[in-house]
C-alpha cells in the first residue's frame, strides 16, 4: 500500500519537471496545473489547491454545476492520470493530484460552506487518503488497479469515508 511513499519507490525516483507537467493537456490536468510538483507531500498540496479553487468558486457555481464538474474531473482525471502515469513510467506518480482534487471537491460539497467545516473536510479527507483504511486499499492504484481508474477510485473511497466521519460529527454537534 505504501510502495509509492517508500524510499525506493518508483515515484520517488522518477522526478517530474515543470516542463513535463506542462507538455500536454493530460499532464496539466493530472498535476492540477502543476500543484502536484510542490514538495514535500504533493498530495496535500494538490488537495490544498483544490480547496482554494473550491472556496473561490463555491458561491458562483450552483450544485448542478458542481456535480457536472465532479463528473468531468473524475473521467478526465482518470484519462489524464493514465496518460501521465504511462508517460512517466510510474502508474501513480506522487505528482498526479487530480484524484485528490476531485475527492476534496466531493467532500466539500457535503459540508456547510464555512471555513471551519471546510478545514475539517480537508483534514478528514487527507487522513483517510493517507491511511487508506479498508476498503480503500483495494482500489489503490499501487495495489491492484494500475491505471487511471485506480488512481481516481481510491481517493473517491477515501472521500466517502471522510464524508461519513463529517456527517457523524455534524449529527453529534
N, C-alpha and C. Protein backbone atom coordinates (compact mmCIF):
# COMPACT_ATOMS: atom_id res chain seq x y z
N UNK A 1 0.82 -1.19 0.00
CA UNK A 1 0.00 0.00 0.00
C UNK A 1 0.86 1.26 0.00
N UNK A 2 1.95 1.24 0.75
CA UNK A 2 2.77 2.44 0.87
C UNK A 2 3.97 2.43 -0.07
N UNK A 3 3.92 1.57 -1.10
CA UNK A 3 5.01 1.44 -2.05
C UNK A 3 5.42 2.78 -2.66
N UNK A 4 4.45 3.59 -3.04
CA UNK A 4 4.79 4.85 -3.71
C UNK A 4 5.41 5.86 -2.76
N UNK A 5 5.30 5.63 -1.42
CA UNK A 5 5.87 6.54 -0.45
C UNK A 5 7.21 6.06 0.08
N UNK A 6 7.62 4.86 -0.29
CA UNK A 6 8.87 4.32 0.25
C UNK A 6 10.08 5.02 -0.36
N UNK A 7 11.22 4.88 0.30
CA UNK A 7 12.46 5.50 -0.19
C UNK A 7 12.89 4.94 -1.53
N UNK A 8 12.53 3.70 -1.80
CA UNK A 8 12.93 3.07 -3.05
C UNK A 8 11.81 3.01 -4.07
N UNK A 9 10.67 3.57 -3.75
CA UNK A 9 9.52 3.53 -4.65
C UNK A 9 9.80 4.26 -5.96
N UNK A 10 9.17 3.76 -7.03
CA UNK A 10 9.39 4.35 -8.35
C UNK A 10 9.00 5.82 -8.40
N UNK A 11 7.98 6.19 -7.65
CA UNK A 11 7.52 7.57 -7.65
C UNK A 11 8.60 8.51 -7.09
N UNK A 12 9.33 8.04 -6.11
CA UNK A 12 10.37 8.87 -5.51
C UNK A 12 11.58 9.02 -6.45
N UNK A 13 11.83 7.99 -7.24
CA UNK A 13 12.99 8.01 -8.13
C UNK A 13 12.72 8.71 -9.45
N UNK A 14 11.46 8.80 -9.86
CA UNK A 14 11.10 9.47 -11.11
C UNK A 14 10.63 10.88 -10.78
N UNK A 15 11.40 11.87 -11.12
CA UNK A 15 11.04 13.27 -10.84
C UNK A 15 10.32 13.86 -12.04
N UNK A 16 9.27 14.58 -11.74
CA UNK A 16 8.53 15.27 -12.78
C UNK A 16 9.00 16.71 -12.83
N UNK A 17 9.31 17.18 -14.02
CA UNK A 17 9.76 18.56 -14.18
C UNK A 17 8.59 19.46 -14.54
N UNK A 18 8.79 20.74 -14.36
CA UNK A 18 7.78 21.72 -14.74
C UNK A 18 7.51 21.64 -16.25
N UNK A 19 8.57 21.44 -17.02
CA UNK A 19 8.42 21.31 -18.48
C UNK A 19 7.55 20.12 -18.82
N UNK A 20 7.79 18.98 -18.16
CA UNK A 20 6.98 17.79 -18.41
C UNK A 20 5.53 18.03 -18.00
N UNK A 21 5.31 18.65 -16.85
CA UNK A 21 3.96 18.88 -16.33
C UNK A 21 3.13 19.73 -17.28
N UNK A 22 3.77 20.60 -18.04
CA UNK A 22 3.04 21.47 -18.97
C UNK A 22 3.24 21.08 -20.43
N UNK A 23 3.72 19.86 -20.67
CA UNK A 23 3.99 19.42 -22.04
C UNK A 23 2.77 18.84 -22.75
N UNK A 24 1.70 18.56 -22.02
CA UNK A 24 0.48 18.07 -22.66
C UNK A 24 -0.72 18.41 -21.77
N UNK A 25 -1.89 18.50 -22.36
CA UNK A 25 -3.09 18.77 -21.55
C UNK A 25 -3.31 17.70 -20.47
N UNK A 26 -3.01 16.45 -20.77
CA UNK A 26 -3.18 15.38 -19.77
C UNK A 26 -2.30 15.63 -18.56
N UNK A 27 -1.07 16.06 -18.77
CA UNK A 27 -0.16 16.32 -17.66
C UNK A 27 -0.61 17.52 -16.83
N UNK A 28 -1.12 18.54 -17.50
CA UNK A 28 -1.61 19.73 -16.79
C UNK A 28 -2.80 19.34 -15.91
N UNK A 29 -3.71 18.54 -16.45
CA UNK A 29 -4.87 18.09 -15.67
C UNK A 29 -4.41 17.21 -14.51
N UNK A 30 -3.55 16.24 -14.79
CA UNK A 30 -3.11 15.28 -13.77
C UNK A 30 -2.40 15.97 -12.61
N UNK A 31 -1.62 17.01 -12.90
CA UNK A 31 -0.89 17.72 -11.85
C UNK A 31 -1.67 18.91 -11.32
N UNK A 32 -2.88 19.08 -11.78
CA UNK A 32 -3.75 20.21 -11.43
C UNK A 32 -2.97 21.53 -11.56
N UNK A 33 -2.54 21.75 -12.78
CA UNK A 33 -1.85 23.00 -13.08
C UNK A 33 -0.47 23.10 -12.45
N UNK A 34 0.13 21.97 -12.15
CA UNK A 34 1.47 21.97 -11.58
C UNK A 34 1.51 21.93 -10.06
N UNK A 35 0.34 21.96 -9.40
CA UNK A 35 0.35 21.95 -7.93
C UNK A 35 0.92 20.65 -7.37
N UNK A 36 0.87 19.58 -8.15
CA UNK A 36 1.44 18.31 -7.72
C UNK A 36 2.96 18.28 -7.73
N UNK A 37 3.57 19.33 -8.25
CA UNK A 37 5.03 19.40 -8.26
C UNK A 37 5.60 19.93 -6.95
N UNK A 38 4.74 20.47 -6.10
CA UNK A 38 5.20 21.02 -4.82
C UNK A 38 5.58 19.89 -3.87
N UNK A 39 6.67 20.11 -3.15
CA UNK A 39 7.17 19.11 -2.19
C UNK A 39 7.44 19.78 -0.87
N UNK A 40 7.41 19.08 0.24
CA UNK A 40 7.02 17.68 0.34
C UNK A 40 5.51 17.53 0.27
N UNK A 41 5.06 16.30 0.25
CA UNK A 41 3.64 15.95 0.29
C UNK A 41 2.83 16.55 -0.85
N UNK A 42 3.13 16.18 -2.10
CA UNK A 42 2.39 16.74 -3.23
C UNK A 42 0.88 16.49 -3.16
N UNK A 43 0.46 15.37 -2.59
CA UNK A 43 -0.98 15.11 -2.44
C UNK A 43 -1.67 16.12 -1.56
N UNK A 44 -0.98 16.53 -0.51
CA UNK A 44 -1.54 17.55 0.39
C UNK A 44 -1.58 18.90 -0.32
N UNK A 45 -0.55 19.23 -1.08
CA UNK A 45 -0.55 20.48 -1.85
C UNK A 45 -1.66 20.47 -2.90
N UNK A 46 -1.84 19.33 -3.58
CA UNK A 46 -2.91 19.23 -4.57
C UNK A 46 -4.28 19.39 -3.93
N UNK A 47 -4.45 18.77 -2.75
CA UNK A 47 -5.72 18.91 -2.02
C UNK A 47 -5.94 20.36 -1.62
N UNK A 48 -4.88 21.02 -1.16
CA UNK A 48 -4.98 22.43 -0.77
C UNK A 48 -5.34 23.30 -1.97
N UNK A 49 -4.76 23.00 -3.13
CA UNK A 49 -5.09 23.76 -4.34
C UNK A 49 -6.56 23.55 -4.69
N UNK A 50 -7.04 22.32 -4.57
CA UNK A 50 -8.46 22.04 -4.82
C UNK A 50 -9.35 22.78 -3.85
N UNK A 51 -8.95 22.85 -2.58
CA UNK A 51 -9.71 23.59 -1.57
C UNK A 51 -9.79 25.07 -1.92
N UNK A 52 -8.68 25.66 -2.30
CA UNK A 52 -8.65 27.08 -2.65
C UNK A 52 -9.55 27.37 -3.85
N UNK A 53 -9.47 26.53 -4.87
CA UNK A 53 -10.31 26.72 -6.06
C UNK A 53 -11.79 26.57 -5.68
N UNK A 54 -12.10 25.59 -4.86
CA UNK A 54 -13.48 25.39 -4.44
C UNK A 54 -14.00 26.62 -3.69
N UNK A 55 -13.22 27.09 -2.72
CA UNK A 55 -13.66 28.26 -1.94
C UNK A 55 -13.85 29.47 -2.85
N UNK A 56 -12.97 29.64 -3.83
CA UNK A 56 -13.08 30.78 -4.75
C UNK A 56 -14.33 30.69 -5.63
N UNK A 57 -14.76 29.47 -5.94
CA UNK A 57 -15.87 29.30 -6.89
C UNK A 57 -17.18 28.81 -6.29
N UNK A 58 -17.16 28.39 -5.02
CA UNK A 58 -18.33 27.71 -4.45
C UNK A 58 -19.63 28.49 -4.57
N UNK A 59 -19.59 29.77 -4.38
CA UNK A 59 -20.83 30.57 -4.41
C UNK A 59 -21.22 30.98 -5.83
N UNK A 60 -20.32 30.80 -6.77
CA UNK A 60 -20.59 31.20 -8.15
C UNK A 60 -21.15 30.06 -8.99
N UNK A 61 -21.00 28.83 -8.51
CA UNK A 61 -21.43 27.67 -9.28
C UNK A 61 -22.54 26.95 -8.51
N UNK A 62 -23.68 26.74 -9.16
CA UNK A 62 -24.78 26.03 -8.48
C UNK A 62 -24.44 24.55 -8.31
N UNK A 63 -25.22 23.88 -7.48
CA UNK A 63 -24.99 22.46 -7.19
C UNK A 63 -24.92 21.62 -8.46
N UNK A 64 -25.82 21.85 -9.39
CA UNK A 64 -25.81 21.08 -10.65
C UNK A 64 -24.49 21.29 -11.39
N UNK A 65 -23.97 22.49 -11.35
CA UNK A 65 -22.67 22.77 -11.97
C UNK A 65 -21.55 22.02 -11.29
N UNK A 66 -21.58 21.97 -9.95
CA UNK A 66 -20.55 21.23 -9.22
C UNK A 66 -20.62 19.74 -9.51
N UNK A 67 -21.82 19.22 -9.67
CA UNK A 67 -21.96 17.80 -10.00
C UNK A 67 -21.35 17.53 -11.37
N UNK A 68 -21.61 18.42 -12.32
CA UNK A 68 -21.01 18.27 -13.65
C UNK A 68 -19.49 18.37 -13.57
N UNK A 69 -18.99 19.31 -12.78
CA UNK A 69 -17.53 19.47 -12.61
C UNK A 69 -16.94 18.21 -11.98
N UNK A 70 -17.61 17.66 -10.98
CA UNK A 70 -17.13 16.43 -10.35
C UNK A 70 -17.05 15.28 -11.34
N UNK A 71 -18.11 15.09 -12.10
CA UNK A 71 -18.10 14.01 -13.09
C UNK A 71 -17.00 14.21 -14.13
N UNK A 72 -16.89 15.44 -14.62
CA UNK A 72 -15.85 15.73 -15.60
C UNK A 72 -14.46 15.54 -15.01
N UNK A 73 -14.27 16.00 -13.78
CA UNK A 73 -12.94 15.85 -13.17
C UNK A 73 -12.61 14.39 -12.92
N UNK A 74 -13.62 13.56 -12.61
CA UNK A 74 -13.36 12.14 -12.40
C UNK A 74 -12.97 11.46 -13.71
N UNK A 75 -13.75 11.66 -14.76
CA UNK A 75 -13.46 10.98 -16.03
C UNK A 75 -12.22 11.56 -16.71
N UNK A 76 -12.11 12.89 -16.75
CA UNK A 76 -10.88 13.49 -17.31
C UNK A 76 -9.67 13.14 -16.45
N UNK A 77 -9.88 13.10 -15.13
CA UNK A 77 -8.79 12.75 -14.22
C UNK A 77 -8.29 11.34 -14.44
N UNK A 78 -9.21 10.39 -14.66
CA UNK A 78 -8.81 9.00 -14.93
C UNK A 78 -7.98 8.94 -16.22
N UNK A 79 -8.46 9.62 -17.25
CA UNK A 79 -7.72 9.65 -18.52
C UNK A 79 -6.36 10.31 -18.34
N UNK A 80 -6.34 11.49 -17.72
CA UNK A 80 -5.09 12.24 -17.56
C UNK A 80 -4.11 11.50 -16.67
N UNK A 81 -4.60 10.86 -15.63
CA UNK A 81 -3.72 10.10 -14.74
C UNK A 81 -3.11 8.92 -15.46
N UNK A 82 -3.92 8.25 -16.27
CA UNK A 82 -3.40 7.10 -17.03
C UNK A 82 -2.32 7.54 -18.02
N UNK A 83 -2.62 8.58 -18.78
CA UNK A 83 -1.66 9.07 -19.78
C UNK A 83 -0.37 9.55 -19.10
N UNK A 84 -0.51 10.32 -18.03
CA UNK A 84 0.66 10.86 -17.34
C UNK A 84 1.47 9.75 -16.70
N UNK A 85 0.79 8.80 -16.06
CA UNK A 85 1.50 7.67 -15.47
C UNK A 85 2.25 6.87 -16.51
N UNK A 86 1.62 6.65 -17.63
CA UNK A 86 2.27 5.91 -18.73
C UNK A 86 3.48 6.69 -19.25
N UNK A 87 3.32 7.99 -19.44
CA UNK A 87 4.43 8.82 -19.94
C UNK A 87 5.57 8.91 -18.94
N UNK A 88 5.24 8.87 -17.64
CA UNK A 88 6.27 8.92 -16.58
C UNK A 88 6.92 7.57 -16.34
N UNK A 89 6.20 6.51 -16.70
CA UNK A 89 6.68 5.18 -16.39
C UNK A 89 6.36 4.79 -14.95
N UNK A 90 5.47 5.55 -14.30
CA UNK A 90 5.03 5.29 -12.93
C UNK A 90 3.53 5.49 -12.92
N UNK A 91 2.76 4.40 -12.71
CA UNK A 91 1.31 4.49 -12.88
C UNK A 91 0.62 5.42 -11.89
N UNK A 92 1.17 5.63 -10.70
CA UNK A 92 0.54 6.53 -9.72
C UNK A 92 1.61 7.44 -9.12
N UNK A 93 2.22 8.22 -9.97
CA UNK A 93 3.28 9.13 -9.53
C UNK A 93 2.72 10.13 -8.52
N UNK A 94 3.51 10.48 -7.53
CA UNK A 94 3.07 11.39 -6.48
C UNK A 94 2.63 12.75 -6.99
N UNK A 95 3.14 13.17 -8.13
CA UNK A 95 2.78 14.47 -8.69
C UNK A 95 1.40 14.48 -9.34
N UNK A 96 0.81 13.32 -9.54
CA UNK A 96 -0.55 13.22 -10.08
C UNK A 96 -1.50 13.48 -8.91
N UNK A 97 -2.16 14.63 -8.94
CA UNK A 97 -3.01 15.03 -7.81
C UNK A 97 -4.46 15.33 -8.19
N UNK A 98 -4.83 15.11 -9.44
CA UNK A 98 -6.22 15.37 -9.83
C UNK A 98 -7.17 14.48 -9.03
N UNK A 99 -6.69 13.32 -8.59
CA UNK A 99 -7.52 12.45 -7.77
C UNK A 99 -7.84 13.10 -6.43
N UNK A 100 -6.86 13.73 -5.81
CA UNK A 100 -7.10 14.45 -4.56
C UNK A 100 -8.04 15.64 -4.77
N UNK A 101 -7.88 16.33 -5.88
CA UNK A 101 -8.71 17.50 -6.16
C UNK A 101 -10.18 17.09 -6.32
N UNK A 102 -10.43 16.08 -7.15
CA UNK A 102 -11.81 15.63 -7.34
C UNK A 102 -12.42 15.15 -6.02
N UNK A 103 -11.63 14.44 -5.23
CA UNK A 103 -12.13 13.89 -3.97
C UNK A 103 -12.39 14.99 -2.94
N UNK A 104 -11.54 16.00 -2.87
CA UNK A 104 -11.80 17.07 -1.90
C UNK A 104 -13.03 17.87 -2.33
N UNK A 105 -13.23 18.05 -3.62
CA UNK A 105 -14.44 18.73 -4.07
C UNK A 105 -15.68 17.95 -3.68
N UNK A 106 -15.64 16.63 -3.84
CA UNK A 106 -16.77 15.80 -3.43
C UNK A 106 -17.01 15.95 -1.93
N UNK A 107 -15.96 15.91 -1.15
CA UNK A 107 -16.08 16.04 0.30
C UNK A 107 -16.63 17.41 0.68
N UNK A 108 -16.12 18.46 0.05
CA UNK A 108 -16.54 19.83 0.37
C UNK A 108 -18.01 20.08 0.03
N UNK A 109 -18.52 19.39 -0.97
CA UNK A 109 -19.93 19.58 -1.34
C UNK A 109 -20.87 19.10 -0.26
N UNK A 110 -20.38 18.32 0.69
CA UNK A 110 -21.25 17.73 1.70
C UNK A 110 -21.21 18.44 3.05
N UNK A 111 -20.38 19.47 3.17
CA UNK A 111 -20.28 20.18 4.46
C UNK A 111 -20.80 21.60 4.30
N UNK A 112 -21.16 22.23 5.41
CA UNK A 112 -21.58 23.64 5.34
C UNK A 112 -20.46 24.51 4.75
N UNK A 113 -20.87 25.56 4.06
CA UNK A 113 -19.91 26.45 3.39
C UNK A 113 -19.30 27.44 4.37
N UNK A 114 -18.67 26.90 5.42
CA UNK A 114 -17.97 27.74 6.39
C UNK A 114 -16.53 27.25 6.48
N UNK A 115 -15.64 28.14 6.78
CA UNK A 115 -14.22 27.79 6.82
C UNK A 115 -13.91 26.67 7.82
N UNK A 116 -14.47 26.66 9.03
CA UNK A 116 -14.17 25.55 9.94
C UNK A 116 -14.57 24.18 9.38
N UNK A 117 -15.73 24.10 8.74
CA UNK A 117 -16.15 22.83 8.15
C UNK A 117 -15.30 22.48 6.94
N UNK A 118 -14.89 23.46 6.17
CA UNK A 118 -14.04 23.19 5.01
C UNK A 118 -12.66 22.69 5.45
N UNK A 119 -12.14 23.26 6.52
CA UNK A 119 -10.86 22.78 7.07
C UNK A 119 -11.03 21.36 7.62
N UNK A 120 -12.14 21.12 8.29
CA UNK A 120 -12.42 19.77 8.80
C UNK A 120 -12.51 18.77 7.64
N UNK A 121 -13.13 19.17 6.54
CA UNK A 121 -13.22 18.31 5.36
C UNK A 121 -11.83 18.01 4.80
N UNK A 122 -10.98 19.03 4.75
CA UNK A 122 -9.60 18.87 4.28
C UNK A 122 -8.86 17.86 5.14
N UNK A 123 -8.92 18.05 6.46
CA UNK A 123 -8.19 17.18 7.39
C UNK A 123 -8.74 15.75 7.32
N UNK A 124 -10.05 15.60 7.34
CA UNK A 124 -10.65 14.27 7.29
C UNK A 124 -10.29 13.55 6.00
N UNK A 125 -10.39 14.24 4.87
CA UNK A 125 -10.04 13.59 3.60
C UNK A 125 -8.58 13.20 3.57
N UNK A 126 -7.68 14.10 3.98
CA UNK A 126 -6.25 13.76 3.96
C UNK A 126 -5.97 12.56 4.86
N UNK A 127 -6.61 12.51 6.01
CA UNK A 127 -6.43 11.36 6.91
C UNK A 127 -6.78 10.06 6.19
N UNK A 128 -7.98 10.00 5.64
CA UNK A 128 -8.42 8.76 5.00
C UNK A 128 -7.64 8.47 3.73
N UNK A 129 -7.19 9.49 3.03
CA UNK A 129 -6.39 9.27 1.81
C UNK A 129 -5.02 8.71 2.16
N UNK A 130 -4.43 9.17 3.23
CA UNK A 130 -3.09 8.71 3.60
C UNK A 130 -3.14 7.34 4.27
N UNK A 131 -4.06 7.16 5.22
CA UNK A 131 -4.12 5.92 6.00
C UNK A 131 -4.68 4.76 5.17
N UNK A 132 -5.60 5.03 4.28
CA UNK A 132 -6.20 4.04 3.40
C UNK A 132 -6.80 2.86 4.16
N UNK A 133 -7.76 3.18 5.02
CA UNK A 133 -8.49 2.14 5.73
C UNK A 133 -9.29 1.30 4.74
N UNK A 134 -9.56 0.04 5.07
CA UNK A 134 -10.35 -0.78 4.15
C UNK A 134 -11.70 -0.13 3.88
N UNK A 135 -12.23 -0.19 2.71
CA UNK A 135 -11.74 -0.90 1.53
C UNK A 135 -10.88 -0.05 0.60
N UNK A 136 -10.40 1.09 1.06
CA UNK A 136 -9.63 1.99 0.18
C UNK A 136 -8.45 1.29 -0.46
N UNK A 137 -7.72 0.49 0.31
CA UNK A 137 -6.55 -0.20 -0.21
C UNK A 137 -6.85 -1.10 -1.39
N UNK A 138 -8.07 -1.64 -1.43
CA UNK A 138 -8.46 -2.49 -2.56
C UNK A 138 -8.42 -1.71 -3.87
N UNK A 139 -8.80 -0.45 -3.81
CA UNK A 139 -8.87 0.37 -5.01
C UNK A 139 -7.58 1.13 -5.30
N UNK A 140 -6.64 1.13 -4.36
CA UNK A 140 -5.41 1.87 -4.50
C UNK A 140 -4.67 1.43 -5.76
N UNK A 141 -4.34 2.38 -6.61
CA UNK A 141 -3.68 2.07 -7.88
C UNK A 141 -2.37 1.33 -7.68
N UNK A 142 -1.67 1.59 -6.60
CA UNK A 142 -0.39 0.93 -6.40
C UNK A 142 -0.55 -0.53 -6.00
N UNK A 143 -1.76 -0.94 -5.66
CA UNK A 143 -2.00 -2.32 -5.24
C UNK A 143 -2.58 -3.18 -6.38
N UNK A 144 -3.74 -2.80 -6.91
CA UNK A 144 -4.45 -3.67 -7.85
C UNK A 144 -4.78 -3.02 -9.19
N UNK A 145 -5.17 -1.78 -9.16
CA UNK A 145 -5.68 -1.11 -10.34
C UNK A 145 -4.58 -0.22 -10.90
N UNK A 146 -3.77 -0.72 -11.75
CA UNK A 146 -2.61 0.02 -12.24
C UNK A 146 -2.97 0.83 -13.50
N UNK A 147 -3.95 1.73 -13.32
CA UNK A 147 -4.37 2.61 -14.41
C UNK A 147 -5.02 3.85 -13.82
N UNK A 148 -5.53 4.70 -14.66
CA UNK A 148 -6.13 5.95 -14.19
C UNK A 148 -7.36 5.75 -13.33
N UNK A 149 -8.11 4.67 -13.56
CA UNK A 149 -9.29 4.40 -12.73
C UNK A 149 -8.88 4.11 -11.30
N UNK A 150 -7.83 3.35 -11.12
CA UNK A 150 -7.34 3.05 -9.78
C UNK A 150 -6.83 4.29 -9.07
N UNK A 151 -6.16 5.17 -9.83
CA UNK A 151 -5.67 6.42 -9.25
C UNK A 151 -6.84 7.22 -8.69
N UNK A 152 -7.93 7.27 -9.42
CA UNK A 152 -9.09 8.07 -9.01
C UNK A 152 -9.94 7.37 -7.95
N UNK A 153 -10.16 6.07 -8.09
CA UNK A 153 -11.12 5.36 -7.24
C UNK A 153 -10.73 5.33 -5.77
N UNK A 154 -9.46 5.12 -5.46
CA UNK A 154 -9.11 5.03 -4.04
C UNK A 154 -9.36 6.36 -3.33
N UNK A 155 -9.22 7.47 -4.03
CA UNK A 155 -9.48 8.77 -3.42
C UNK A 155 -10.98 9.02 -3.26
N UNK A 156 -11.78 8.51 -4.18
CA UNK A 156 -13.23 8.63 -4.02
C UNK A 156 -13.68 7.85 -2.79
N UNK A 157 -13.12 6.65 -2.59
CA UNK A 157 -13.46 5.86 -1.40
C UNK A 157 -13.02 6.61 -0.14
N UNK A 158 -11.82 7.19 -0.16
CA UNK A 158 -11.36 7.97 1.00
C UNK A 158 -12.29 9.17 1.24
N UNK A 159 -12.77 9.79 0.17
CA UNK A 159 -13.71 10.91 0.31
C UNK A 159 -15.02 10.44 0.94
N UNK A 160 -15.51 9.30 0.54
CA UNK A 160 -16.75 8.76 1.11
C UNK A 160 -16.55 8.48 2.61
N UNK A 161 -15.39 7.96 2.98
CA UNK A 161 -15.11 7.72 4.39
C UNK A 161 -15.06 9.05 5.16
N UNK A 162 -14.42 10.06 4.57
CA UNK A 162 -14.36 11.38 5.21
C UNK A 162 -15.76 11.97 5.35
N UNK A 163 -16.58 11.81 4.33
CA UNK A 163 -17.95 12.31 4.38
C UNK A 163 -18.71 11.63 5.51
N UNK A 164 -18.53 10.34 5.68
CA UNK A 164 -19.18 9.61 6.75
C UNK A 164 -18.78 10.15 8.12
N UNK A 165 -17.49 10.38 8.30
CA UNK A 165 -17.00 10.93 9.57
C UNK A 165 -17.56 12.33 9.80
N UNK A 166 -17.55 13.17 8.78
CA UNK A 166 -18.05 14.53 8.91
C UNK A 166 -19.57 14.56 9.17
N UNK A 167 -20.28 13.64 8.53
CA UNK A 167 -21.72 13.53 8.78
C UNK A 167 -21.98 13.16 10.23
N UNK A 168 -21.21 12.20 10.74
CA UNK A 168 -21.35 11.80 12.14
C UNK A 168 -21.04 12.97 13.07
N UNK A 169 -19.99 13.72 12.74
CA UNK A 169 -19.62 14.88 13.56
C UNK A 169 -20.73 15.92 13.57
N UNK A 170 -21.33 16.16 12.41
CA UNK A 170 -22.44 17.12 12.34
C UNK A 170 -23.64 16.64 13.13
N UNK A 171 -23.91 15.34 13.11
CA UNK A 171 -25.05 14.79 13.84
C UNK A 171 -24.84 14.92 15.35
N UNK A 172 -23.59 14.81 15.78
CA UNK A 172 -23.30 14.90 17.21
C UNK A 172 -23.27 16.34 17.71
N UNK A 173 -23.01 17.26 16.80
CA UNK A 173 -22.92 18.68 17.21
C UNK A 173 -24.25 19.34 17.15
